[in-house]
Amino acid sequence: MKKSLLLFVPLIVCFASCSKVTFGYTNEQHSAGFENTTSKKANATSYTYFPGDVFNTNDSNAAHITFDSANSGSNMAKENINAIVNCDVPDFFNEVSDASWVGVKKDTDLFIGTDSSYVDGYLTLSFTSVIKYVSIYACPYYTGEIIGFTDKVEHDENVGVAVNNSSYIKLSYIYNEDSQTVNKRECRYDVSGANATEITIKVGPQRALISEIILYY
């Protein structure tokens, strides 16, 4: 019996020499649905950033796209997004061709994206004319209300916006005390070489609020 007890002595010394031994669950947080990170890491979206393109719109026509935000929505079907698109040029906007992780923040703006580096939110719009340049006015998604000159809202920290195959333009959350609103950044993309009547707006790894899209053609 004494010999059996002696067999456990090296094991006890080994545990005692460790500063901390943890069994079971830790306090590390995991997102539901992404437990198998080993296989998914290879499929994570790669984000490269740039400041945006420079272009001259003097010889171009412009169409302005906005979205009705009277009602809230989340991960909306393309048919439902189609119904809230407003365009100031008749017969210019054709349809929402495809969409994923697109919603509406009530009385604010359309938003694109979700809280994951494994998948972008995207919105594909088609038009009746070839698009040369795109300007998107956007800011990071935020929750809560801005009251007076106090900004006590939560917002997404890591947001980039791309169009078609471009790199991403990174958005910063900037609260404007004078206007008591969140500043929108103009994101500019030159798509003139594509001869395309369709654009895909991609947002990741979190969400962006889109207030206006200007299409130059």
C-alpha atoms as a PDB file:
ATOM      1  CA  MET A   1       0.000   0.000   0.000  1.00  0.00           C
ATOM      2  CA  LYS A   2       2.866   2.366   0.877  1.00  0.00           C
ATOM      3  CA  LYS A   3       4.492   1.661  -2.489  1.00  0.00           C
ATOM      4  CA  SER A   4       1.232   2.541  -4.272  1.00  0.00           C
ATOM      5  CA  LEU A   5       1.063   5.919  -2.479  1.00  0.00           C
ATOM      6  CA  LEU A   6       4.630   6.699  -3.441  1.00  0.00           C
ATOM      7  CA  LEU A   7       3.685   6.413  -7.109  1.00  0.00           C
ATOM      8  CA  PHE A   8       1.533   9.573  -6.778  1.00  0.00           C
ATOM      9  CA  VAL A   9       4.313  11.737  -5.299  1.00  0.00           C
ATOM     10  CA  PRO A  10       5.862  12.812  -8.672  1.00  0.00           C
ATOM     11  CA  LEU A  11       2.391  13.727  -9.974  1.00  0.00           C
ATOM     12  CA  ILE A  12       1.638  15.859  -6.910  1.00  0.00           C
ATOM     13  CA  VAL A  13       4.991  17.652  -7.216  1.00  0.00           C
ATOM     14  CA  CYS A  14       4.288  18.355 -10.880  1.00  0.00           C
ATOM     15  CA  PHE A  15       0.949  20.045 -10.092  1.00  0.00           C
ATOM     16  CA  ALA A  16       2.439  21.981  -7.205  1.00  0.00           C
ATOM     17  CA  SER A  17       5.182  23.398  -9.441  1.00  0.00           C
ATOM     18  CA  CYS A  18       2.616  24.937 -11.811  1.00  0.00           C
ATOM     19  CA  SER A  19       1.462  28.461 -10.925  1.00  0.00           C
ATOM     20  CA  LYS A  20      -2.148  27.685 -11.866  1.00  0.00           C
ATOM     21  CA  VAL A  21      -4.003  24.621 -13.050  1.00  0.00           C
ATOM     22  CA  THR A  22      -7.454  25.182 -14.547  1.00  0.00           C
ATOM     23  CA  PHE A  23     -10.023  22.510 -15.225  1.00  0.00           C
ATOM     24  CA  GLY A  24     -13.321  22.759 -17.070  1.00  0.00           C
ATOM     25  CA  TYR A  25     -14.604  26.054 -18.605  1.00  0.00           C
ATOM     26  CA  THR A  26     -12.643  29.314 -18.596  1.00  0.00           C
ATOM     27  CA  ASN A  27     -13.889  32.901 -18.649  1.00  0.00           C
ATOM     28  CA  GLU A  28     -12.947  33.296 -22.310  1.00  0.00           C
ATOM     29  CA  GLN A  29     -15.947  34.328 -24.394  1.00  0.00           C
ATOM     30  CA  HIS A  30     -16.925  32.511 -27.573  1.00  0.00           C
ATOM     31  CA  SER A  31     -19.473  33.460 -30.212  1.00  0.00           C
ATOM     32  CA  ALA A  32     -22.227  30.940 -30.735  1.00  0.00           C
ATOM     33  CA  GLY A  33     -21.794  29.012 -33.940  1.00  0.00           C
ATOM     34  CA  PHE A  34     -18.043  29.610 -34.266  1.00  0.00           C
ATOM     35  CA  GLU A  35     -16.658  26.983 -31.881  1.00  0.00           C
ATOM     36  CA  ASN A  36     -14.757  25.118 -34.605  1.00  0.00           C
ATOM     37  CA  THR A  37     -12.270  27.930 -35.181  1.00  0.00           C
ATOM     38  CA  THR A  38      -9.498  25.653 -36.452  1.00  0.00           C
ATOM     39  CA  SER A  39     -11.229  24.954 -39.750  1.00  0.00           C
ATOM     40  CA  LYS A  40     -12.927  28.345 -40.016  1.00  0.00           C
ATOM     41  CA  LYS A  41      -9.777  30.452 -39.603  1.00  0.00           C
ATOM     42  CA  ALA A  42      -8.710  29.512 -43.105  1.00  0.00           C
ATOM     43  CA  ASN A  43     -11.968  30.940 -44.446  1.00  0.00           C
ATOM     44  CA  ALA A  44     -11.901  34.225 -42.530  1.00  0.00           C
ATOM     45  CA  THR A  45     -12.203  37.338 -44.701  1.00  0.00           C
ATOM     46  CA  SER A  46      -8.947  39.231 -45.247  1.00  0.00           C
ATOM     47  CA  TYR A  47      -9.336  42.995 -44.865  1.00  0.00           C
ATOM     48  CA  THR A  48      -6.980  45.364 -46.665  1.00  0.00           C
ATOM     49  CA  TYR A  49      -7.687  49.079 -46.374  1.00  0.00           C
ATOM     50  CA  PHE A  50      -7.202  52.161 -48.545  1.00  0.00           C
ATOM     51  CA  PRO A  51      -8.273  55.827 -48.251  1.00  0.00           C
ATOM     52  CA  GLY A  52     -10.605  55.750 -51.252  1.00  0.00           C
ATOM     53  CA  ASP A  53     -10.299  56.736 -54.913  1.00  0.00           C
ATOM     54  CA  VAL A  54      -9.956  60.218 -56.390  1.00  0.00           C
ATOM     55  CA  PHE A  55     -12.132  61.049 -59.395  1.00  0.00           C
ATOM     56  CA  ASN A  56     -13.668  63.995 -61.213  1.00  0.00           C
ATOM     57  CA  THR A  57     -17.445  63.954 -61.600  1.00  0.00           C
ATOM     58  CA  ASN A  58     -17.833  67.168 -63.635  1.00  0.00           C
ATOM     59  CA  ASP A  59     -18.749  65.308 -66.820  1.00  0.00           C
ATOM     60  CA  SER A  60     -20.987  62.750 -65.119  1.00  0.00           C
ATOM     61  CA  ASN A  61     -24.654  62.503 -64.259  1.00  0.00           C
ATOM     62  CA  ALA A  62     -25.565  61.584 -60.688  1.00  0.00           C
ATOM     63  CA  ALA A  63     -28.329  59.502 -59.140  1.00  0.00           C
ATOM     64  CA  HIS A  64     -28.940  59.513 -55.376  1.00  0.00           C
ATOM     65  CA  ILE A  65     -30.089  56.385 -53.552  1.00  0.00           C
ATOM     66  CA  THR A  66     -31.616  56.554 -50.058  1.00  0.00           C
ATOM     67  CA  PHE A  67     -33.634  54.088 -47.987  1.00  0.00           C
ATOM     68  CA  ASP A  68     -36.927  54.324 -46.112  1.00  0.00           C
ATOM     69  CA  SER A  69     -36.212  53.707 -42.417  1.00  0.00           C
ATOM     70  CA  ALA A  70     -39.751  54.022 -41.043  1.00  0.00           C
ATOM     71  CA  ASN A  71     -39.674  50.402 -39.875  1.00  0.00           C
ATOM     72  CA  SER A  72     -36.868  48.312 -38.431  1.00  0.00           C
ATOM     73  CA  GLY A  73     -35.670  45.095 -40.037  1.00  0.00           C
ATOM     74  CA  SER A  74     -32.878  42.539 -39.758  1.00  0.00           C
ATOM     75  CA  ASN A  75     -31.314  40.202 -42.359  1.00  0.00           C
ATOM     76  CA  MET A  76     -34.003  41.273 -44.802  1.00  0.00           C
ATOM     77  CA  ALA A  77     -34.894  39.450 -48.006  1.00  0.00           C
ATOM     78  CA  LYS A  78     -33.954  41.271 -51.200  1.00  0.00           C
ATOM     79  CA  GLU A  79     -37.628  41.746 -52.085  1.00  0.00           C
ATOM     80  CA  ASN A  80     -38.210  43.655 -48.845  1.00  0.00           C
ATOM     81  CA  ILE A  81     -35.125  45.816 -49.388  1.00  0.00           C
ATOM     82  CA  ASN A  82     -36.332  46.535 -52.908  1.00  0.00           C
ATOM     83  CA  ALA A  83     -39.468  48.105 -51.467  1.00  0.00           C
ATOM     84  CA  ILE A  84     -37.575  50.696 -49.390  1.00  0.00           C
ATOM     85  CA  VAL A  85     -35.115  51.946 -52.047  1.00  0.00           C
ATOM     86  CA  ASN A  86     -35.608  55.551 -53.155  1.00  0.00           C
ATOM     87  CA  CYS A  87     -33.921  56.932 -56.281  1.00  0.00           C
ATOM     88  CA  ASP A  88     -34.177  60.533 -57.488  1.00  0.00           C
ATOM     89  CA  VAL A  89     -33.653  59.606 -61.160  1.00  0.00           C
ATOM     90  CA  PRO A  90     -36.685  57.865 -62.710  1.00  0.00           C
ATOM     91  CA  ASP A  91     -36.044  54.428 -64.247  1.00  0.00           C
ATOM     92  CA  PHE A  92     -32.374  54.460 -63.206  1.00  0.00           C
ATOM     93  CA  PHE A  93     -32.550  51.960 -60.328  1.00  0.00           C
ATOM     94  CA  ASN A  94     -33.410  48.467 -61.533  1.00  0.00           C
ATOM     95  CA  GLU A  95     -33.526  46.112 -58.532  1.00  0.00           C
ATOM     96  CA  VAL A  96     -31.803  44.614 -55.510  1.00  0.00           C
ATOM     97  CA  SER A  97     -30.105  41.606 -57.121  1.00  0.00           C
ATOM     98  CA  ASP A  98     -28.769  40.012 -53.942  1.00  0.00           C
ATOM     99  CA  ALA A  99     -28.390  40.747 -50.231  1.00  0.00           C
ATOM    100  CA  SER A 100     -27.083  39.183 -47.035  1.00  0.00           C
ATOM    101  CA  TRP A 101     -27.082  40.624 -43.513  1.00  0.00           C
ATOM    102  CA  VAL A 102     -28.883  43.804 -44.515  1.00  0.00           C
ATOM    103  CA  GLY A 103     -31.305  45.552 -42.191  1.00  0.00           C
ATOM    104  CA  VAL A 104     -32.793  48.860 -41.139  1.00  0.00           C
ATOM    105  CA  LYS A 105     -32.281  50.769 -37.905  1.00  0.00           C
ATOM    106  CA  LYS A 106     -35.650  52.415 -37.304  1.00  0.00           C
ATOM    107  CA  ASP A 107     -35.760  56.158 -38.036  1.00  0.00           C
ATOM    108  CA  THR A 108     -32.033  56.123 -38.850  1.00  0.00           C
ATOM    109  CA  ASP A 109     -30.515  54.321 -41.840  1.00  0.00           C
ATOM    110  CA  LEU A 110     -30.061  51.071 -43.680  1.00  0.00           C
ATOM    111  CA  PHE A 111     -27.251  48.939 -42.271  1.00  0.00           C
ATOM    112  CA  ILE A 112     -25.087  46.216 -43.794  1.00  0.00           C
ATOM    113  CA  GLY A 113     -22.976  43.642 -41.977  1.00  0.00           C
ATOM    114  CA  THR A 114     -22.866  41.368 -38.957  1.00  0.00           C
ATOM    115  CA  ASP A 115     -20.508  40.815 -36.035  1.00  0.00           C
ATOM    116  CA  SER A 116     -18.218  38.223 -37.628  1.00  0.00           C
ATOM    117  CA  SER A 117     -14.886  38.187 -39.468  1.00  0.00           C
ATOM    118  CA  TYR A 118     -15.961  34.995 -41.254  1.00  0.00           C
ATOM    119  CA  VAL A 119     -18.655  36.564 -43.401  1.00  0.00           C
ATOM    120  CA  ASP A 120     -19.376  40.018 -44.846  1.00  0.00           C
ATOM    121  CA  GLY A 121     -22.750  41.600 -45.158  1.00  0.00           C
ATOM    122  CA  TYR A 122     -23.393  42.672 -48.727  1.00  0.00           C
ATOM    123  CA  LEU A 123     -25.935  44.444 -50.906  1.00  0.00           C
ATOM    124  CA  THR A 124     -25.999  44.150 -54.691  1.00  0.00           C
ATOM    125  CA  LEU A 125     -27.853  46.822 -56.661  1.00  0.00           C
ATOM    126  CA  SER A 126     -28.435  46.886 -60.410  1.00  0.00           C
ATOM    127  CA  PHE A 127     -29.100  49.895 -62.644  1.00  0.00           C
ATOM    128  CA  THR A 128     -30.082  50.685 -66.198  1.00  0.00           C
ATOM    129  CA  SER A 129     -26.876  52.639 -66.947  1.00  0.00           C
ATOM    130  CA  VAL A 130     -23.174  51.821 -66.666  1.00  0.00           C
ATOM    131  CA  ILE A 131     -21.720  53.085 -63.374  1.00  0.00           C
ATOM    132  CA  LYS A 132     -18.436  55.037 -63.400  1.00  0.00           C
ATOM    133  CA  TYR A 133     -18.022  56.155 -59.776  1.00  0.00           C
ATOM    134  CA  VAL A 134     -19.670  55.424 -56.429  1.00  0.00           C
ATOM    135  CA  SER A 135     -19.851  57.552 -53.268  1.00  0.00           C
ATOM    136  CA  ILE A 136     -21.226  55.988 -50.085  1.00  0.00           C
ATOM    137  CA  TYR A 137     -21.962  58.018 -46.952  1.00  0.00           C
ATOM    138  CA  ALA A 138     -21.555  55.741 -43.943  1.00  0.00           C
ATOM    139  CA  CYS A 139     -20.633  55.467 -40.281  1.00  0.00           C
ATOM    140  CA  PRO A 140     -20.198  52.550 -37.847  1.00  0.00           C
ATOM    141  CA  TYR A 141     -23.421  51.035 -36.520  1.00  0.00           C
ATOM    142  CA  TYR A 142     -24.424  52.331 -33.093  1.00  0.00           C
ATOM    143  CA  THR A 143     -27.132  51.604 -30.549  1.00  0.00           C
ATOM    144  CA  GLY A 144     -28.723  53.844 -27.941  1.00  0.00           C
ATOM    145  CA  GLU A 145     -29.854  57.439 -28.178  1.00  0.00           C
ATOM    146  CA  ILE A 146     -27.806  60.622 -28.420  1.00  0.00           C
ATOM    147  CA  ILE A 147     -29.349  63.042 -25.914  1.00  0.00           C
ATOM    148  CA  GLY A 148     -28.236  66.671 -25.732  1.00  0.00           C
ATOM    149  CA  PHE A 149     -24.471  66.986 -25.891  1.00  0.00           C
ATOM    150  CA  THR A 150     -23.900  63.630 -24.202  1.00  0.00           C
ATOM    151  CA  ASP A 151     -22.874  60.714 -26.351  1.00  0.00           C
ATOM    152  CA  LYS A 152     -23.548  57.517 -24.412  1.00  0.00           C
ATOM    153  CA  VAL A 153     -24.051  55.002 -27.153  1.00  0.00           C
ATOM    154  CA  GLU A 154     -22.408  51.687 -27.977  1.00  0.00           C
ATOM    155  CA  HIS A 155     -20.965  51.345 -31.452  1.00  0.00           C
ATOM    156  CA  ASP A 156     -19.108  48.894 -33.659  1.00  0.00           C
ATOM    157  CA  GLU A 157     -15.365  49.511 -33.531  1.00  0.00           C
ATOM    158  CA  ASN A 158     -14.093  47.659 -36.573  1.00  0.00           C
ATOM    159  CA  VAL A 159     -15.933  48.492 -39.793  1.00  0.00           C
ATOM    160  CA  GLY A 160     -14.801  48.637 -43.412  1.00  0.00           C
ATOM    161  CA  VAL A 161     -16.759  49.270 -46.628  1.00  0.00           C
ATOM    162  CA  ALA A 162     -15.792  47.961 -50.076  1.00  0.00           C
ATOM    163  CA  VAL A 163     -17.404  48.046 -53.515  1.00  0.00           C
ATOM    164  CA  ASN A 164     -17.056  45.121 -55.913  1.00  0.00           C
ATOM    165  CA  ASN A 165     -13.398  43.996 -55.767  1.00  0.00           C
ATOM    166  CA  SER A 166     -11.957  47.086 -54.084  1.00  0.00           C
ATOM    167  CA  SER A 167     -10.083  47.187 -50.786  1.00  0.00           C
ATOM    168  CA  TYR A 168     -11.998  48.410 -47.748  1.00  0.00           C
ATOM    169  CA  ILE A 169     -12.359  51.974 -46.530  1.00  0.00           C
ATOM    170  CA  LYS A 170     -12.270  51.962 -42.734  1.00  0.00           C
ATOM    171  CA  LEU A 171     -14.889  53.941 -40.816  1.00  0.00           C
ATOM    172  CA  SER A 172     -14.293  55.815 -37.567  1.00  0.00           C
ATOM    173  CA  TYR A 173     -16.968  56.626 -35.021  1.00  0.00           C
ATOM    174  CA  ILE A 174     -16.966  60.429 -34.627  1.00  0.00           C
ATOM    175  CA  TYR A 175     -19.643  62.159 -32.578  1.00  0.00           C
ATOM    176  CA  ASN A 176     -20.275  65.760 -33.639  1.00  0.00           C
ATOM    177  CA  GLU A 177     -21.237  67.803 -30.567  1.00  0.00           C
ATOM    178  CA  ASP A 178     -22.373  70.787 -32.652  1.00  0.00           C
ATOM    179  CA  SER A 179     -24.901  68.858 -34.733  1.00  0.00           C
ATOM    180  CA  GLN A 180     -25.425  66.146 -32.076  1.00  0.00           C
ATOM    181  CA  THR A 181     -25.130  63.473 -34.734  1.00  0.00           C
ATOM    182  CA  VAL A 182     -22.600  60.854 -35.783  1.00  0.00           C
ATOM    183  CA  ASN A 183     -20.431  62.005 -38.699  1.00  0.00           C
ATOM    184  CA  LYS A 184     -20.787  60.113 -41.961  1.00  0.00           C
ATOM    185  CA  ARG A 185     -17.666  59.464 -44.036  1.00  0.00           C
ATOM    186  CA  GLU A 186     -17.801  59.743 -47.812  1.00  0.00           C
ATOM    187  CA  CYS A 187     -16.325  56.531 -49.228  1.00  0.00           C
ATOM    188  CA  ARG A 188     -15.309  56.950 -52.887  1.00  0.00           C
ATOM    189  CA  TYR A 189     -14.782  54.160 -55.428  1.00  0.00           C
ATOM    190  CA  ASP A 190     -13.775  54.296 -59.085  1.00  0.00           C
ATOM    191  CA  VAL A 191     -15.501  51.408 -60.897  1.00  0.00           C
ATOM    192  CA  SER A 192     -15.227  52.896 -64.398  1.00  0.00           C
ATOM    193  CA  GLY A 193     -13.041  50.078 -65.723  1.00  0.00           C
ATOM    194  CA  ALA A 194     -15.647  47.402 -65.058  1.00  0.00           C
ATOM    195  CA  ASN A 195     -18.289  48.587 -67.569  1.00  0.00           C
ATOM    196  CA  ALA A 196     -20.841  47.367 -65.029  1.00  0.00           C
ATOM    197  CA  THR A 197     -24.486  48.143 -64.438  1.00  0.00           C
ATOM    198  CA  GLU A 198     -24.305  46.429 -61.045  1.00  0.00           C
ATOM    199  CA  ILE A 199     -22.418  47.161 -57.809  1.00  0.00           C
ATOM    200  CA  THR A 200     -21.960  45.082 -54.668  1.00  0.00           C
ATOM    201  CA  ILE A 201     -21.390  46.920 -51.402  1.00  0.00           C
ATOM    202  CA  LYS A 202     -19.549  44.751 -48.846  1.00  0.00           C
ATOM    203  CA  VAL A 203     -19.214  45.562 -45.127  1.00  0.00           C
ATOM    204  CA  GLY A 204     -17.163  43.748 -42.497  1.00  0.00           C
ATOM    205  CA  PRO A 205     -16.174  42.548 -39.994  1.00  0.00           C
ATOM    206  CA  GLN A 206     -18.945  44.502 -38.239  1.00  0.00           C
ATOM    207  CA  ARG A 207     -21.803  46.758 -39.359  1.00  0.00           C
ATOM    208  CA  ALA A 208     -22.081  50.093 -41.160  1.00  0.00           C
ATOM    209  CA  LEU A 209     -25.019  52.471 -41.353  1.00  0.00           C
ATOM    210  CA  ILE A 210     -25.551  53.699 -44.931  1.00  0.00           C
ATOM    211  CA  SER A 211     -27.378  57.018 -45.284  1.00  0.00           C
ATOM    212  CA  GLU A 212     -26.884  57.695 -49.008  1.00  0.00           C
ATOM    213  CA  ILE A 213     -25.332  56.185 -52.128  1.00  0.00           C
ATOM    214  CA  ILE A 214     -24.472  58.407 -55.096  1.00  0.00           C
ATOM    215  CA  LEU A 215     -23.984  56.721 -58.481  1.00  0.00           C
ATOM    216  CA  TYR A 216     -22.155  58.655 -61.196  1.00  0.00           C
ATOM    217  CA  TYR A 217     -22.829  57.515 -64.750  1.00  0.00           C
END
